[in-house]
Amino acid sequence: MNGAPHLAVDIAGETLWLLADKALYWPARQALLIADAHFGKAATYRVLGQPVPQGTTARNLQRLDQLLHDYPTRQLIFLGDFLHARPARSGSTLAALQAWRARQADLQILLIRGNHDRSAGDPPAELGIEVVGEPWTMGPFALCHELMSCPGLHVLAGHLHPVFVLRGRGRDRLRMPCFSVEPAGTLLPAFGEFTGGLAIESVPGRAIYGALDGAVWQLV
């Protein structure tokens, strides 16, 4: 399968770009949308004594910096679950976020509060992030964390960490993060590493776009 770093799709009368690095770009607004960063998730598990990978926050921020370099962005929008849990509010995770924010001091950032944000608490004030509840209306879209009914608006959301399972011969299987686009709403894949995913199925009216290895393409 051949893919490209981004794929343009028409949704609710607007052209949106699905990005291979599990984000969405709205060229007309120069807005970059990200769902489920879950900063500090690995650190939270280590606090609980679980042996999990290190460096996930640094890698996620490096990926984010690259996206901001590649796609001119006036506004960065997190569709919920910015921080994974309260332990992420201190220590190395917070220090990394503060250093990143200093590099992106002029960037306008909006967070649509998700379920993990409600338990972790809003990001520290020094990060300069505006926090709002869902849904947040922007043009023809309702920006949410979870899919919900918003009559007359197309919902952009995350929360489920959608993945699609490709099945090959025998028992070969490949799980890949994906975008799921339906008439009423679009699900974004989880941006953060170490987040897991929920397998979604192909159903009538649902277009599925896989994002893997620097490319994005339509699967269904």
N, C-alpha and C. Protein backbone atom coordinates (compact mmCIF):
# COMPACT_ATOMS: atom_id res chain seq x y z
N MET A 1 0.84 -1.18 0.00
CA MET A 1 0.00 0.00 0.00
C MET A 1 0.88 1.24 0.00
N ASN A 2 0.50 2.23 -0.83
CA ASN A 2 1.22 3.47 -0.89
C ASN A 2 0.44 4.54 -0.14
N GLY A 3 1.16 5.40 0.56
CA GLY A 3 0.52 6.48 1.30
C GLY A 3 1.37 7.72 1.24
N ALA A 4 0.86 8.80 1.82
CA ALA A 4 1.55 10.07 1.85
C ALA A 4 1.55 10.59 3.28
N PRO A 5 2.40 11.59 3.59
CA PRO A 5 2.42 12.12 4.96
C PRO A 5 1.11 12.75 5.40
N HIS A 6 0.30 13.20 4.45
CA HIS A 6 -1.03 13.68 4.80
C HIS A 6 -1.99 13.40 3.64
N LEU A 7 -3.26 13.34 3.98
CA LEU A 7 -4.30 13.03 3.00
C LEU A 7 -5.43 14.03 3.20
N ALA A 8 -5.80 14.76 2.14
CA ALA A 8 -6.88 15.74 2.22
C ALA A 8 -8.24 15.05 2.07
N VAL A 9 -9.16 15.39 2.96
CA VAL A 9 -10.52 14.87 2.90
C VAL A 9 -11.49 16.04 3.08
N ASP A 10 -12.63 15.94 2.45
CA ASP A 10 -13.67 16.97 2.60
C ASP A 10 -14.67 16.51 3.65
N ILE A 11 -14.79 17.32 4.71
CA ILE A 11 -15.70 17.00 5.81
C ILE A 11 -16.47 18.27 6.17
N ALA A 12 -17.79 18.16 6.16
CA ALA A 12 -18.66 19.28 6.54
C ALA A 12 -18.35 20.54 5.73
N GLY A 13 -18.00 20.37 4.47
CA GLY A 13 -17.72 21.50 3.61
C GLY A 13 -16.36 22.12 3.78
N GLU A 14 -15.51 21.51 4.59
CA GLU A 14 -14.15 22.01 4.82
C GLU A 14 -13.14 20.95 4.39
N THR A 15 -11.98 21.42 3.94
CA THR A 15 -10.88 20.50 3.61
C THR A 15 -10.01 20.32 4.85
N LEU A 16 -9.92 19.09 5.31
CA LEU A 16 -9.08 18.74 6.45
C LEU A 16 -8.01 17.78 5.98
N TRP A 17 -6.85 17.85 6.61
CA TRP A 17 -5.75 16.94 6.29
C TRP A 17 -5.59 15.93 7.42
N LEU A 18 -5.68 14.67 7.07
CA LEU A 18 -5.36 13.60 8.02
C LEU A 18 -3.85 13.37 7.96
N LEU A 19 -3.19 13.48 9.08
CA LEU A 19 -1.73 13.41 9.10
C LEU A 19 -1.25 12.03 9.53
N ALA A 20 -0.16 11.60 8.92
CA ALA A 20 0.39 10.28 9.21
C ALA A 20 0.81 10.15 10.67
N ASP A 21 1.18 11.28 11.28
CA ASP A 21 1.62 11.22 12.68
C ASP A 21 0.45 11.42 13.64
N LYS A 22 -0.73 10.91 13.24
CA LYS A 22 -1.88 10.78 14.12
C LYS A 22 -2.39 12.12 14.64
N ALA A 23 -2.54 13.06 13.73
CA ALA A 23 -3.11 14.37 14.05
C ALA A 23 -3.93 14.82 12.85
N LEU A 24 -4.66 15.92 13.04
CA LEU A 24 -5.50 16.47 11.99
C LEU A 24 -5.16 17.94 11.81
N TYR A 25 -5.07 18.38 10.56
CA TYR A 25 -4.73 19.77 10.27
C TYR A 25 -5.85 20.41 9.46
N TRP A 26 -6.24 21.61 9.86
CA TRP A 26 -7.28 22.38 9.20
C TRP A 26 -6.62 23.57 8.53
N PRO A 27 -6.29 23.45 7.25
CA PRO A 27 -5.48 24.50 6.60
C PRO A 27 -6.12 25.89 6.64
N ALA A 28 -7.43 25.97 6.44
CA ALA A 28 -8.09 27.27 6.38
C ALA A 28 -7.96 28.04 7.69
N ARG A 29 -7.88 27.33 8.80
CA ARG A 29 -7.74 27.96 10.12
C ARG A 29 -6.31 27.87 10.65
N GLN A 30 -5.44 27.21 9.92
CA GLN A 30 -4.09 26.91 10.42
C GLN A 30 -4.17 26.36 11.85
N ALA A 31 -5.03 25.36 12.00
CA ALA A 31 -5.26 24.72 13.30
C ALA A 31 -4.79 23.27 13.23
N LEU A 32 -4.05 22.87 14.26
CA LEU A 32 -3.59 21.50 14.40
C LEU A 32 -4.34 20.86 15.55
N LEU A 33 -5.02 19.74 15.28
CA LEU A 33 -5.84 19.07 16.29
C LEU A 33 -5.22 17.74 16.66
N ILE A 34 -5.17 17.50 17.96
CA ILE A 34 -4.56 16.28 18.50
C ILE A 34 -5.48 15.71 19.58
N ALA A 35 -5.66 14.43 19.57
CA ALA A 35 -6.47 13.77 20.58
C ALA A 35 -5.60 12.84 21.43
N ASP A 36 -5.87 12.83 22.71
CA ASP A 36 -5.32 11.81 23.61
C ASP A 36 -3.79 11.77 23.60
N ALA A 37 -3.18 12.88 23.99
CA ALA A 37 -1.73 12.90 24.15
C ALA A 37 -1.31 12.09 25.37
N HIS A 38 -2.09 12.15 26.44
CA HIS A 38 -1.81 11.39 27.67
C HIS A 38 -0.37 11.62 28.16
N PHE A 39 0.04 12.87 28.20
CA PHE A 39 1.38 13.16 28.71
C PHE A 39 1.51 12.64 30.14
N GLY A 40 2.61 11.97 30.40
CA GLY A 40 2.88 11.46 31.73
C GLY A 40 2.29 10.11 32.04
N LYS A 41 1.76 9.41 31.05
CA LYS A 41 1.16 8.09 31.34
C LYS A 41 2.22 7.10 31.81
N ALA A 42 3.33 7.03 31.10
CA ALA A 42 4.37 6.07 31.51
C ALA A 42 4.90 6.42 32.89
N ALA A 43 5.09 7.72 33.16
CA ALA A 43 5.58 8.14 34.47
C ALA A 43 4.59 7.75 35.56
N THR A 44 3.30 7.86 35.26
CA THR A 44 2.28 7.46 36.24
C THR A 44 2.38 5.98 36.58
N TYR A 45 2.61 5.15 35.57
CA TYR A 45 2.75 3.71 35.81
C TYR A 45 4.03 3.41 36.60
N ARG A 46 5.09 4.17 36.35
CA ARG A 46 6.32 3.93 37.10
C ARG A 46 6.15 4.29 38.57
N VAL A 47 5.34 5.31 38.86
CA VAL A 47 5.03 5.65 40.25
C VAL A 47 4.38 4.46 40.94
N LEU A 48 3.62 3.69 40.17
CA LEU A 48 2.94 2.50 40.72
C LEU A 48 3.83 1.27 40.74
N GLY A 49 5.10 1.45 40.33
CA GLY A 49 6.05 0.35 40.36
C GLY A 49 6.01 -0.55 39.15
N GLN A 50 5.36 -0.10 38.07
CA GLN A 50 5.27 -0.92 36.86
C GLN A 50 6.46 -0.63 35.94
N PRO A 51 7.10 -1.67 35.40
CA PRO A 51 8.23 -1.47 34.48
C PRO A 51 7.73 -1.10 33.08
N VAL A 52 7.75 0.18 32.75
CA VAL A 52 7.24 0.65 31.47
C VAL A 52 8.31 1.51 30.80
N PRO A 53 8.19 1.75 29.49
CA PRO A 53 9.21 2.50 28.77
C PRO A 53 9.40 3.92 29.31
N GLN A 54 10.60 4.44 29.16
CA GLN A 54 10.89 5.81 29.53
C GLN A 54 11.06 6.64 28.25
N GLY A 55 10.93 7.95 28.40
CA GLY A 55 11.16 8.85 27.28
C GLY A 55 9.97 9.10 26.39
N THR A 56 8.77 8.59 26.76
CA THR A 56 7.62 8.77 25.89
C THR A 56 7.21 10.23 25.77
N THR A 57 7.26 10.98 26.87
CA THR A 57 6.89 12.40 26.80
C THR A 57 7.84 13.16 25.89
N ALA A 58 9.13 12.92 26.01
CA ALA A 58 10.11 13.60 25.16
C ALA A 58 9.86 13.28 23.69
N ARG A 59 9.59 12.02 23.39
CA ARG A 59 9.34 11.65 21.99
C ARG A 59 8.06 12.27 21.47
N ASN A 60 7.02 12.28 22.29
CA ASN A 60 5.76 12.90 21.86
C ASN A 60 5.95 14.39 21.58
N LEU A 61 6.72 15.07 22.41
CA LEU A 61 6.95 16.49 22.21
C LEU A 61 7.82 16.75 20.98
N GLN A 62 8.76 15.87 20.72
CA GLN A 62 9.57 15.99 19.50
C GLN A 62 8.70 15.83 18.26
N ARG A 63 7.79 14.87 18.30
CA ARG A 63 6.86 14.69 17.18
C ARG A 63 5.98 15.91 17.00
N LEU A 64 5.53 16.47 18.12
CA LEU A 64 4.68 17.65 18.05
C LEU A 64 5.45 18.83 17.47
N ASP A 65 6.69 19.01 17.89
CA ASP A 65 7.52 20.07 17.32
C ASP A 65 7.67 19.91 15.81
N GLN A 66 7.84 18.68 15.36
CA GLN A 66 8.00 18.44 13.93
C GLN A 66 6.73 18.79 13.17
N LEU A 67 5.57 18.45 13.72
CA LEU A 67 4.31 18.79 13.08
C LEU A 67 4.14 20.31 13.00
N LEU A 68 4.49 21.00 14.07
CA LEU A 68 4.36 22.46 14.08
C LEU A 68 5.32 23.10 13.08
N HIS A 69 6.43 22.44 12.84
CA HIS A 69 7.39 22.92 11.83
C HIS A 69 6.85 22.67 10.42
N ASP A 70 6.25 21.51 10.22
CA ASP A 70 5.81 21.11 8.88
C ASP A 70 4.50 21.76 8.44
N TYR A 71 3.63 22.10 9.41
CA TYR A 71 2.31 22.62 9.09
C TYR A 71 2.11 23.95 9.82
N PRO A 72 2.11 25.07 9.10
CA PRO A 72 1.97 26.39 9.75
C PRO A 72 0.75 26.43 10.66
N THR A 73 0.98 26.70 11.93
CA THR A 73 -0.07 26.55 12.93
C THR A 73 -0.22 27.82 13.77
N ARG A 74 -1.43 28.34 13.78
CA ARG A 74 -1.75 29.46 14.66
C ARG A 74 -2.37 28.97 15.97
N GLN A 75 -3.07 27.84 15.89
CA GLN A 75 -3.75 27.33 17.08
C GLN A 75 -3.57 25.82 17.17
N LEU A 76 -3.16 25.37 18.34
CA LEU A 76 -3.02 23.94 18.65
C LEU A 76 -4.18 23.56 19.55
N ILE A 77 -4.94 22.54 19.15
CA ILE A 77 -6.13 22.14 19.89
C ILE A 77 -5.98 20.69 20.33
N PHE A 78 -6.09 20.47 21.63
CA PHE A 78 -6.07 19.12 22.18
C PHE A 78 -7.51 18.68 22.44
N LEU A 79 -7.93 17.58 21.81
CA LEU A 79 -9.28 17.07 21.99
C LEU A 79 -9.33 16.13 23.19
N GLY A 80 -8.92 16.65 24.32
CA GLY A 80 -9.04 15.90 25.57
C GLY A 80 -7.86 15.04 25.92
N ASP A 81 -7.75 14.75 27.22
CA ASP A 81 -6.72 13.87 27.80
C ASP A 81 -5.32 14.38 27.49
N PHE A 82 -5.07 15.61 27.91
CA PHE A 82 -3.74 16.21 27.80
C PHE A 82 -2.79 15.52 28.79
N LEU A 83 -3.15 15.53 30.06
CA LEU A 83 -2.40 14.81 31.08
C LEU A 83 -3.10 13.48 31.39
N HIS A 84 -2.30 12.48 31.69
CA HIS A 84 -2.91 11.18 31.96
C HIS A 84 -3.48 11.09 33.37
N ALA A 85 -2.74 11.59 34.35
CA ALA A 85 -3.17 11.48 35.75
C ALA A 85 -2.42 12.52 36.58
N ARG A 86 -2.78 12.64 37.85
CA ARG A 86 -2.18 13.67 38.70
C ARG A 86 -0.67 13.55 38.85
N PRO A 87 -0.07 12.35 38.88
CA PRO A 87 1.39 12.29 38.98
C PRO A 87 2.11 13.00 37.83
N ALA A 88 1.44 13.21 36.72
CA ALA A 88 2.06 13.90 35.59
C ALA A 88 2.21 15.40 35.83
N ARG A 89 1.62 15.91 36.91
CA ARG A 89 1.68 17.34 37.18
C ARG A 89 2.97 17.77 37.86
N SER A 90 3.84 16.84 38.11
CA SER A 90 5.10 17.18 38.79
C SER A 90 6.23 16.37 38.17
N GLY A 91 7.45 16.66 38.60
CA GLY A 91 8.59 15.87 38.16
C GLY A 91 8.99 16.14 36.74
N SER A 92 9.57 15.12 36.11
CA SER A 92 10.17 15.28 34.79
C SER A 92 9.13 15.59 33.70
N THR A 93 7.92 15.05 33.83
CA THR A 93 6.90 15.31 32.82
C THR A 93 6.56 16.79 32.75
N LEU A 94 6.31 17.40 33.89
CA LEU A 94 5.97 18.81 33.91
C LEU A 94 7.15 19.66 33.44
N ALA A 95 8.36 19.29 33.83
CA ALA A 95 9.54 20.04 33.40
C ALA A 95 9.68 19.99 31.88
N ALA A 96 9.43 18.84 31.29
CA ALA A 96 9.51 18.71 29.83
C ALA A 96 8.44 19.55 29.15
N LEU A 97 7.24 19.56 29.71
CA LEU A 97 6.16 20.36 29.13
C LEU A 97 6.46 21.86 29.24
N GLN A 98 7.03 22.27 30.35
CA GLN A 98 7.36 23.68 30.52
C GLN A 98 8.45 24.10 29.54
N ALA A 99 9.44 23.26 29.33
CA ALA A 99 10.51 23.57 28.37
C ALA A 99 9.95 23.63 26.96
N TRP A 100 9.05 22.71 26.64
CA TRP A 100 8.42 22.73 25.31
C TRP A 100 7.60 23.99 25.12
N ARG A 101 6.84 24.38 26.14
CA ARG A 101 6.00 25.58 26.02
C ARG A 101 6.86 26.83 25.82
N ALA A 102 8.01 26.87 26.45
CA ALA A 102 8.91 28.01 26.27
C ALA A 102 9.38 28.10 24.82
N ARG A 103 9.55 26.96 24.16
CA ARG A 103 9.95 26.96 22.76
C ARG A 103 8.81 27.40 21.85
N GLN A 104 7.58 27.21 22.32
CA GLN A 104 6.39 27.52 21.52
C GLN A 104 5.57 28.61 22.22
N ALA A 105 6.27 29.63 22.69
CA ALA A 105 5.63 30.63 23.56
C ALA A 105 4.52 31.41 22.85
N ASP A 106 4.60 31.58 21.53
CA ASP A 106 3.62 32.38 20.82
C ASP A 106 2.42 31.58 20.32
N LEU A 107 2.41 30.30 20.59
CA LEU A 107 1.35 29.43 20.07
C LEU A 107 0.11 29.51 20.95
N GLN A 108 -1.05 29.70 20.32
CA GLN A 108 -2.31 29.65 21.05
C GLN A 108 -2.71 28.18 21.22
N ILE A 109 -3.02 27.79 22.46
CA ILE A 109 -3.34 26.39 22.75
C ILE A 109 -4.69 26.31 23.45
N LEU A 110 -5.51 25.40 22.97
CA LEU A 110 -6.84 25.16 23.54
C LEU A 110 -6.96 23.69 23.90
N LEU A 111 -7.50 23.41 25.06
CA LEU A 111 -7.77 22.04 25.50
C LEU A 111 -9.25 21.86 25.73
N ILE A 112 -9.84 20.88 25.02
CA ILE A 112 -11.22 20.47 25.30
C ILE A 112 -11.13 19.42 26.40
N ARG A 113 -11.66 19.72 27.55
CA ARG A 113 -11.45 18.86 28.72
C ARG A 113 -12.03 17.47 28.49
N GLY A 114 -11.19 16.43 28.73
CA GLY A 114 -11.61 15.04 28.60
C GLY A 114 -11.71 14.36 29.95
N ASN A 115 -12.02 13.07 29.93
CA ASN A 115 -12.22 12.36 31.20
C ASN A 115 -10.95 12.29 32.04
N HIS A 116 -9.79 12.11 31.40
CA HIS A 116 -8.55 12.09 32.18
C HIS A 116 -8.20 13.48 32.69
N ASP A 117 -8.55 14.51 31.95
CA ASP A 117 -8.31 15.87 32.43
C ASP A 117 -9.14 16.16 33.67
N ARG A 118 -10.33 15.62 33.71
CA ARG A 118 -11.17 15.86 34.88
C ARG A 118 -10.59 15.22 36.13
N SER A 119 -9.88 14.11 35.98
CA SER A 119 -9.27 13.47 37.14
C SER A 119 -7.87 14.00 37.42
N ALA A 120 -7.12 14.32 36.36
CA ALA A 120 -5.76 14.83 36.54
C ALA A 120 -5.74 16.29 36.95
N GLY A 121 -6.79 17.01 36.61
CA GLY A 121 -6.82 18.45 36.84
C GLY A 121 -6.35 19.18 35.60
N ASP A 122 -6.76 20.43 35.47
CA ASP A 122 -6.35 21.22 34.32
C ASP A 122 -4.84 21.42 34.32
N PRO A 123 -4.24 21.61 33.14
CA PRO A 123 -2.80 21.84 33.08
C PRO A 123 -2.40 23.04 33.93
N PRO A 124 -1.20 23.03 34.52
CA PRO A 124 -0.75 24.17 35.31
C PRO A 124 -0.85 25.48 34.52
N ALA A 125 -1.17 26.56 35.22
CA ALA A 125 -1.41 27.84 34.57
C ALA A 125 -0.20 28.31 33.77
N GLU A 126 1.02 27.97 34.23
CA GLU A 126 2.21 28.45 33.55
C GLU A 126 2.37 27.88 32.14
N LEU A 127 1.59 26.85 31.80
CA LEU A 127 1.64 26.31 30.44
C LEU A 127 0.80 27.15 29.47
N GLY A 128 0.00 28.07 29.99
CA GLY A 128 -0.72 28.98 29.13
C GLY A 128 -1.70 28.30 28.19
N ILE A 129 -2.48 27.36 28.72
CA ILE A 129 -3.44 26.61 27.91
C ILE A 129 -4.85 27.00 28.33
N GLU A 130 -5.66 27.44 27.37
CA GLU A 130 -7.06 27.71 27.64
C GLU A 130 -7.82 26.39 27.70
N VAL A 131 -8.62 26.20 28.74
CA VAL A 131 -9.34 24.94 28.93
C VAL A 131 -10.84 25.21 28.88
N VAL A 132 -11.55 24.43 28.06
CA VAL A 132 -13.00 24.60 27.92
C VAL A 132 -13.67 23.23 27.99
N GLY A 133 -14.96 23.24 28.21
CA GLY A 133 -15.73 22.00 28.22
C GLY A 133 -16.19 21.64 26.82
N GLU A 134 -16.68 20.42 26.69
CA GLU A 134 -17.19 19.95 25.40
C GLU A 134 -18.72 20.09 25.37
N PRO A 135 -19.29 20.35 24.20
CA PRO A 135 -18.64 20.60 22.91
C PRO A 135 -18.21 22.06 22.77
N TRP A 136 -17.18 22.27 21.95
CA TRP A 136 -16.69 23.61 21.64
C TRP A 136 -16.88 23.82 20.14
N THR A 137 -17.69 24.81 19.79
CA THR A 137 -18.04 25.02 18.39
C THR A 137 -16.96 25.82 17.67
N MET A 138 -16.59 25.34 16.48
CA MET A 138 -15.61 26.03 15.64
C MET A 138 -16.01 25.79 14.19
N GLY A 139 -16.55 26.82 13.54
CA GLY A 139 -17.05 26.63 12.19
C GLY A 139 -18.15 25.58 12.17
N PRO A 140 -18.09 24.63 11.22
CA PRO A 140 -19.12 23.60 11.13
C PRO A 140 -18.87 22.41 12.07
N PHE A 141 -17.90 22.55 12.96
CA PHE A 141 -17.49 21.42 13.79
C PHE A 141 -17.81 21.63 15.27
N ALA A 142 -18.10 20.53 15.94
CA ALA A 142 -18.17 20.49 17.40
C ALA A 142 -16.94 19.75 17.89
N LEU A 143 -16.06 20.47 18.56
CA LEU A 143 -14.83 19.85 19.06
C LEU A 143 -15.12 19.23 20.42
N CYS A 144 -14.88 17.94 20.53
CA CYS A 144 -15.24 17.18 21.73
C CYS A 144 -14.09 16.24 22.08
N HIS A 145 -14.21 15.64 23.25
CA HIS A 145 -13.33 14.52 23.57
C HIS A 145 -14.01 13.22 23.18
N GLU A 146 -15.27 13.07 23.56
CA GLU A 146 -16.03 11.87 23.23
C GLU A 146 -17.07 12.19 22.16
N LEU A 147 -17.34 11.21 21.31
CA LEU A 147 -18.41 11.39 20.33
C LEU A 147 -19.74 11.64 21.06
N MET A 148 -20.47 12.65 20.59
CA MET A 148 -21.77 12.96 21.18
C MET A 148 -22.66 13.53 20.09
N SER A 149 -23.91 13.63 20.38
CA SER A 149 -24.87 14.17 19.42
C SER A 149 -24.81 15.69 19.44
N CYS A 150 -24.49 16.29 18.31
CA CYS A 150 -24.45 17.74 18.16
C CYS A 150 -25.16 18.08 16.85
N PRO A 151 -26.49 18.12 16.86
CA PRO A 151 -27.25 18.32 15.62
C PRO A 151 -26.77 19.56 14.86
N GLY A 152 -26.59 19.38 13.55
CA GLY A 152 -26.18 20.46 12.69
C GLY A 152 -24.69 20.68 12.63
N LEU A 153 -23.92 19.96 13.44
CA LEU A 153 -22.47 20.09 13.48
C LEU A 153 -21.82 18.73 13.29
N HIS A 154 -20.64 18.72 12.71
CA HIS A 154 -19.86 17.49 12.59
C HIS A 154 -18.91 17.43 13.79
N VAL A 155 -18.94 16.33 14.50
CA VAL A 155 -18.15 16.18 15.72
C VAL A 155 -16.74 15.69 15.38
N LEU A 156 -15.74 16.34 15.94
CA LEU A 156 -14.35 15.87 15.89
C LEU A 156 -13.98 15.46 17.30
N ALA A 157 -13.56 14.22 17.48
CA ALA A 157 -13.35 13.68 18.82
C ALA A 157 -12.24 12.64 18.83
N GLY A 158 -11.93 12.17 20.02
CA GLY A 158 -10.94 11.12 20.21
C GLY A 158 -11.48 10.09 21.19
N HIS A 159 -10.81 9.92 22.31
CA HIS A 159 -11.23 9.11 23.46
C HIS A 159 -11.10 7.60 23.25
N LEU A 160 -11.51 7.09 22.10
CA LEU A 160 -11.54 5.64 21.90
C LEU A 160 -10.20 5.07 21.41
N HIS A 161 -9.26 5.94 21.00
CA HIS A 161 -7.98 5.47 20.47
C HIS A 161 -8.19 4.44 19.36
N PRO A 162 -8.91 4.79 18.30
CA PRO A 162 -9.28 3.79 17.30
C PRO A 162 -8.08 3.19 16.57
N VAL A 163 -8.15 1.89 16.35
CA VAL A 163 -7.19 1.17 15.53
C VAL A 163 -7.97 0.25 14.60
N PHE A 164 -7.34 -0.11 13.50
CA PHE A 164 -7.95 -1.04 12.55
C PHE A 164 -7.03 -2.23 12.40
N VAL A 165 -7.61 -3.41 12.36
CA VAL A 165 -6.82 -4.64 12.28
C VAL A 165 -6.85 -5.16 10.86
N LEU A 166 -5.68 -5.19 10.23
CA LEU A 166 -5.54 -5.81 8.93
C LEU A 166 -5.20 -7.28 9.13
N ARG A 167 -5.90 -8.14 8.42
CA ARG A 167 -5.69 -9.57 8.57
C ARG A 167 -5.14 -10.13 7.26
N GLY A 168 -4.06 -10.86 7.39
CA GLY A 168 -3.44 -11.46 6.22
C GLY A 168 -3.67 -12.96 6.20
N ARG A 169 -2.80 -13.65 5.52
CA ARG A 169 -2.92 -15.10 5.44
C ARG A 169 -2.60 -15.72 6.79
N GLY A 170 -3.20 -16.84 7.02
CA GLY A 170 -2.96 -17.53 8.28
C GLY A 170 -3.42 -16.67 9.45
N ARG A 171 -2.51 -16.49 10.40
CA ARG A 171 -2.84 -15.70 11.58
C ARG A 171 -2.17 -14.34 11.57
N ASP A 172 -1.69 -13.91 10.42
CA ASP A 172 -1.05 -12.59 10.33
C ASP A 172 -2.06 -11.49 10.63
N ARG A 173 -1.66 -10.58 11.52
CA ARG A 173 -2.51 -9.45 11.88
C ARG A 173 -1.64 -8.22 12.08
N LEU A 174 -2.16 -7.07 11.66
CA LEU A 174 -1.46 -5.80 11.87
C LEU A 174 -2.46 -4.80 12.40
N ARG A 175 -2.19 -4.30 13.61
CA ARG A 175 -3.03 -3.26 14.20
C ARG A 175 -2.41 -1.90 13.90
N MET A 176 -3.20 -1.00 13.34
CA MET A 176 -2.66 0.32 13.04
C MET A 176 -3.62 1.40 13.52
N PRO A 177 -3.07 2.49 14.05
CA PRO A 177 -3.92 3.63 14.41
C PRO A 177 -4.69 4.09 13.19
N CYS A 178 -5.89 4.62 13.40
CA CYS A 178 -6.70 5.02 12.26
C CYS A 178 -7.61 6.19 12.59
N PHE A 179 -8.02 6.87 11.53
CA PHE A 179 -9.09 7.85 11.58
C PHE A 179 -10.37 7.17 11.12
N SER A 180 -11.46 7.44 11.81
CA SER A 180 -12.76 6.88 11.43
C SER A 180 -13.68 8.05 11.11
N VAL A 181 -14.14 8.13 9.85
CA VAL A 181 -14.95 9.25 9.39
C VAL A 181 -16.35 8.77 9.03
N GLU A 182 -17.35 9.33 9.71
CA GLU A 182 -18.75 9.04 9.43
C GLU A 182 -19.48 10.35 9.19
N PRO A 183 -20.71 10.32 8.67
CA PRO A 183 -21.41 11.57 8.36
C PRO A 183 -21.54 12.52 9.54
N ALA A 184 -21.73 11.98 10.75
CA ALA A 184 -21.96 12.84 11.91
C ALA A 184 -20.71 13.15 12.70
N GLY A 185 -19.64 12.37 12.52
CA GLY A 185 -18.47 12.60 13.35
C GLY A 185 -17.23 11.88 12.87
N THR A 186 -16.10 12.40 13.30
CA THR A 186 -14.79 11.84 12.96
C THR A 186 -14.03 11.55 14.24
N LEU A 187 -13.48 10.35 14.31
CA LEU A 187 -12.63 9.95 15.44
C LEU A 187 -11.17 10.06 15.03
N LEU A 188 -10.37 10.70 15.88
CA LEU A 188 -8.94 10.78 15.66
C LEU A 188 -8.23 9.68 16.43
N PRO A 189 -7.12 9.16 15.91
CA PRO A 189 -6.33 8.19 16.69
C PRO A 189 -5.65 8.89 17.86
N ALA A 190 -5.24 8.13 18.83
CA ALA A 190 -4.50 8.69 19.97
C ALA A 190 -3.12 9.14 19.49
N PHE A 191 -2.77 10.37 19.85
CA PHE A 191 -1.46 10.90 19.46
C PHE A 191 -0.34 10.31 20.32
N GLY A 192 -0.60 10.13 21.59
CA GLY A 192 0.45 9.71 22.51
C GLY A 192 0.91 8.29 22.29
N GLU A 193 2.19 8.06 22.59
CA GLU A 193 2.70 6.69 22.65
C GLU A 193 2.16 6.00 23.90
N PHE A 194 2.22 4.67 23.88
CA PHE A 194 1.88 3.90 25.08
C PHE A 194 0.42 4.16 25.49
N THR A 195 -0.48 4.18 24.50
CA THR A 195 -1.88 4.47 24.81
C THR A 195 -2.83 3.32 24.49
N GLY A 196 -2.39 2.32 23.76
CA GLY A 196 -3.29 1.24 23.41
C GLY A 196 -4.32 1.70 22.38
N GLY A 197 -5.31 0.84 22.08
CA GLY A 197 -6.30 1.22 21.10
C GLY A 197 -7.49 0.27 21.09
N LEU A 198 -8.61 0.78 20.60
CA LEU A 198 -9.82 -0.01 20.47
C LEU A 198 -10.03 -0.34 19.00
N ALA A 199 -10.12 -1.61 18.66
CA ALA A 199 -10.32 -2.03 17.28
C ALA A 199 -11.72 -1.66 16.83
N ILE A 200 -11.81 -1.01 15.68
CA ILE A 200 -13.11 -0.67 15.12
C ILE A 200 -13.32 -1.48 13.85
N GLU A 201 -14.58 -1.67 13.48
CA GLU A 201 -14.91 -2.50 12.34
C GLU A 201 -15.38 -1.64 11.16
N SER A 202 -15.31 -2.23 10.00
CA SER A 202 -15.83 -1.59 8.80
C SER A 202 -17.35 -1.76 8.76
N VAL A 203 -18.07 -0.66 8.67
CA VAL A 203 -19.53 -0.69 8.57
C VAL A 203 -19.94 0.28 7.47
N PRO A 204 -21.12 0.13 6.90
CA PRO A 204 -21.58 1.05 5.86
C PRO A 204 -21.57 2.50 6.35
N GLY A 205 -21.07 3.39 5.51
CA GLY A 205 -21.04 4.80 5.85
C GLY A 205 -19.83 5.24 6.64
N ARG A 206 -18.93 4.33 6.96
CA ARG A 206 -17.72 4.65 7.73
C ARG A 206 -16.49 4.49 6.85
N ALA A 207 -15.74 5.56 6.69
CA ALA A 207 -14.46 5.51 5.99
C ALA A 207 -13.34 5.42 7.01
N ILE A 208 -12.39 4.52 6.77
CA ILE A 208 -11.31 4.29 7.72
C ILE A 208 -9.98 4.57 7.02
N TYR A 209 -9.17 5.39 7.68
CA TYR A 209 -7.87 5.78 7.12
C TYR A 209 -6.78 5.35 8.11
N GLY A 210 -5.87 4.53 7.65
CA GLY A 210 -4.79 4.06 8.50
C GLY A 210 -3.63 5.05 8.53
N ALA A 211 -2.93 5.08 9.65
CA ALA A 211 -1.77 5.96 9.82
C ALA A 211 -0.64 5.14 10.42
N LEU A 212 0.41 4.93 9.63
CA LEU A 212 1.49 4.06 10.09
C LEU A 212 2.74 4.32 9.26
N ASP A 213 3.89 4.32 9.93
CA ASP A 213 5.19 4.41 9.25
C ASP A 213 5.28 5.61 8.32
N GLY A 214 4.83 6.76 8.80
CA GLY A 214 4.99 7.99 8.05
C GLY A 214 4.05 8.19 6.88
N ALA A 215 2.98 7.40 6.82
CA ALA A 215 2.03 7.52 5.71
C ALA A 215 0.60 7.34 6.22
N VAL A 216 -0.33 7.90 5.45
CA VAL A 216 -1.75 7.72 5.76
C VAL A 216 -2.46 7.40 4.45
N TRP A 217 -3.41 6.47 4.51
CA TRP A 217 -4.13 6.07 3.30
C TRP A 217 -5.48 5.50 3.70
N GLN A 218 -6.40 5.48 2.73
CA GLN A 218 -7.72 4.96 3.01
C GLN A 218 -7.69 3.44 2.95
N LEU A 219 -8.22 2.82 4.00
CA LEU A 219 -8.30 1.36 4.10
C LEU A 219 -9.66 0.85 3.67
N VAL A 220 -10.69 1.58 4.06
CA VAL A 220 -12.07 1.14 3.78
C VAL A 220 -12.88 2.35 3.31
